[in-house]
Amino acid sequence: MANPTEPVQCKPLEVQVGDKGIERAIKHLKRKMAAEGILRELKRRRHYMKPSIKRRKKMSEAARRRRKRLRTDDMPPRGGML
């Protein structure tokens, strides 16, 4: 991971505002930002998280994903014939 103080070179996000209106352009921009991961990065950088808390959060997220995977594996397939 790069040093947070180093400048990052990235291409700018552009959205064309056509005759569909500004609302659609804003929605399109938000979708592009979510796809690029910009919003997630902003939320992550908003507050400093101690390394011990970061490690604990990472472990709890992994456990949550593991429980979810086990729960979906145990369920019978839906939509069967009676």
C-alpha atoms as a PDB file:
ATOM      1  CA  MET A   1       0.000   0.000   0.000  1.00  0.00           C
ATOM      2  CA  ALA A   2       1.300   3.447  -0.872  1.00  0.00           C
ATOM      3  CA  ASN A   3       2.163   6.080   1.687  1.00  0.00           C
ATOM      4  CA  PRO A   4      -0.950   8.253   2.334  1.00  0.00           C
ATOM      5  CA  THR A   5       1.079  11.452   1.876  1.00  0.00           C
ATOM      6  CA  GLU A   6       2.243  10.521  -1.628  1.00  0.00           C
ATOM      7  CA  PRO A   7       0.205  11.946  -4.492  1.00  0.00           C
ATOM      8  CA  VAL A   8      -1.791   9.345  -6.368  1.00  0.00           C
ATOM      9  CA  GLN A   9      -2.070   9.501 -10.136  1.00  0.00           C
ATOM     10  CA  CYS A  10      -5.506   8.535 -11.399  1.00  0.00           C
ATOM     11  CA  LYS A  11      -7.688   9.349 -14.324  1.00  0.00           C
ATOM     12  CA  PRO A  12     -10.574  11.703 -13.567  1.00  0.00           C
ATOM     13  CA  LEU A  13     -14.126  10.425 -13.626  1.00  0.00           C
ATOM     14  CA  GLU A  14     -16.194  12.108 -16.293  1.00  0.00           C
ATOM     15  CA  VAL A  15     -19.929  12.041 -16.794  1.00  0.00           C
ATOM     16  CA  GLN A  16     -21.643  13.600 -19.781  1.00  0.00           C
ATOM     17  CA  VAL A  17     -24.740  15.625 -18.926  1.00  0.00           C
ATOM     18  CA  GLY A  18     -27.045  15.164 -21.865  1.00  0.00           C
ATOM     19  CA  ASP A  19     -30.672  16.002 -22.400  1.00  0.00           C
ATOM     20  CA  LYS A  20     -31.624  13.388 -19.762  1.00  0.00           C
ATOM     21  CA  GLY A  21     -30.916  15.920 -17.025  1.00  0.00           C
ATOM     22  CA  ILE A  22     -28.570  16.540 -14.149  1.00  0.00           C
ATOM     23  CA  GLU A  23     -30.276  14.021 -11.853  1.00  0.00           C
ATOM     24  CA  ARG A  24     -29.392  11.123 -14.134  1.00  0.00           C
ATOM     25  CA  ALA A  25     -25.821  12.403 -14.486  1.00  0.00           C
ATOM     26  CA  ILE A  26     -25.439  12.543 -10.689  1.00  0.00           C
ATOM     27  CA  LYS A  27     -26.790   8.995 -10.384  1.00  0.00           C
ATOM     28  CA  HIS A  28     -24.351   7.836 -13.061  1.00  0.00           C
ATOM     29  CA  LEU A  29     -21.450   9.582 -11.286  1.00  0.00           C
ATOM     30  CA  LYS A  30     -22.331   7.930  -7.968  1.00  0.00           C
ATOM     31  CA  ARG A  31     -22.447   4.534  -9.679  1.00  0.00           C
ATOM     32  CA  LYS A  32     -19.004   5.116 -11.233  1.00  0.00           C
ATOM     33  CA  MET A  33     -17.570   6.245  -7.892  1.00  0.00           C
ATOM     34  CA  ALA A  34     -18.926   3.125  -6.188  1.00  0.00           C
ATOM     35  CA  ALA A  35     -17.451   0.914  -8.913  1.00  0.00           C
ATOM     36  CA  GLU A  36     -14.038   2.576  -8.536  1.00  0.00           C
ATOM     37  CA  GLY A  37     -14.134   2.200  -4.757  1.00  0.00           C
ATOM     38  CA  ILE A  38     -13.810   5.925  -4.109  1.00  0.00           C
ATOM     39  CA  LEU A  39     -16.656   6.060  -1.588  1.00  0.00           C
ATOM     40  CA  ARG A  40     -15.276   3.107   0.385  1.00  0.00           C
ATOM     41  CA  GLU A  41     -11.837   4.734   0.456  1.00  0.00           C
ATOM     42  CA  LEU A  42     -13.278   8.043   1.678  1.00  0.00           C
ATOM     43  CA  LYS A  43     -15.138   6.323   4.507  1.00  0.00           C
ATOM     44  CA  ARG A  44     -11.995   4.397   5.438  1.00  0.00           C
ATOM     45  CA  ARG A  45      -9.836   7.522   5.574  1.00  0.00           C
ATOM     46  CA  ARG A  46     -12.382   9.658   7.429  1.00  0.00           C
ATOM     47  CA  HIS A  47     -11.314   8.380  10.868  1.00  0.00           C
ATOM     48  CA  TYR A  48      -8.059   6.926  12.116  1.00  0.00           C
ATOM     49  CA  MET A  49      -8.360   3.322  13.216  1.00  0.00           C
ATOM     50  CA  LYS A  50      -5.761   1.821  15.520  1.00  0.00           C
ATOM     51  CA  PRO A  51      -4.016  -1.256  14.092  1.00  0.00           C
ATOM     52  CA  SER A  52      -5.383  -3.468  16.880  1.00  0.00           C
ATOM     53  CA  ILE A  53      -8.969  -2.378  16.124  1.00  0.00           C
ATOM     54  CA  LYS A  54      -8.359  -2.770  12.389  1.00  0.00           C
ATOM     55  CA  ARG A  55      -7.129  -6.336  12.955  1.00  0.00           C
ATOM     56  CA  ARG A  56     -10.114  -7.144  15.199  1.00  0.00           C
ATOM     57  CA  LYS A  57     -12.552  -5.725  12.631  1.00  0.00           C
ATOM     58  CA  LYS A  58     -10.925  -7.726   9.848  1.00  0.00           C
ATOM     59  CA  MET A  59     -11.230 -10.940  11.889  1.00  0.00           C
ATOM     60  CA  SER A  60     -14.890 -10.272  12.750  1.00  0.00           C
ATOM     61  CA  GLU A  61     -15.728  -9.568   9.093  1.00  0.00           C
ATOM     62  CA  ALA A  62     -14.073 -12.851   8.077  1.00  0.00           C
ATOM     63  CA  ALA A  63     -16.062 -14.709  10.756  1.00  0.00           C
ATOM     64  CA  ARG A  64     -19.283 -13.067   9.551  1.00  0.00           C
ATOM     65  CA  ARG A  65     -18.578 -14.122   5.944  1.00  0.00           C
ATOM     66  CA  ARG A  66     -17.740 -17.643   7.142  1.00  0.00           C
ATOM     67  CA  ARG A  67     -21.038 -17.904   9.085  1.00  0.00           C
ATOM     68  CA  LYS A  68     -22.956 -16.596   6.086  1.00  0.00           C
ATOM     69  CA  ARG A  69     -21.285 -19.122   3.780  1.00  0.00           C
ATOM     70  CA  LEU A  70     -22.081 -21.978   6.171  1.00  0.00           C
ATOM     71  CA  ARG A  71     -25.679 -20.806   6.474  1.00  0.00           C
ATOM     72  CA  THR A  72     -26.173 -20.738   2.684  1.00  0.00           C
ATOM     73  CA  ASP A  73     -24.477 -24.153   2.259  1.00  0.00           C
ATOM     74  CA  ASP A  74     -26.788 -25.793   4.819  1.00  0.00           C
ATOM     75  CA  MET A  75     -30.041 -24.526   3.280  1.00  0.00           C
ATOM     76  CA  PRO A  76     -31.925 -26.889   0.952  1.00  0.00           C
ATOM     77  CA  PRO A  77     -32.559 -25.676  -2.595  1.00  0.00           C
ATOM     78  CA  ARG A  78     -35.743 -23.653  -3.003  1.00  0.00           C
ATOM     79  CA  GLY A  79     -38.544 -24.190  -5.467  1.00  0.00           C
ATOM     80  CA  GLY A  80     -38.620 -27.981  -5.470  1.00  0.00           C
ATOM     81  CA  MET A  81     -41.683 -30.001  -6.359  1.00  0.00           C
ATOM     82  CA  LEU A  82     -43.867 -31.344  -3.587  1.00  0.00           C
END
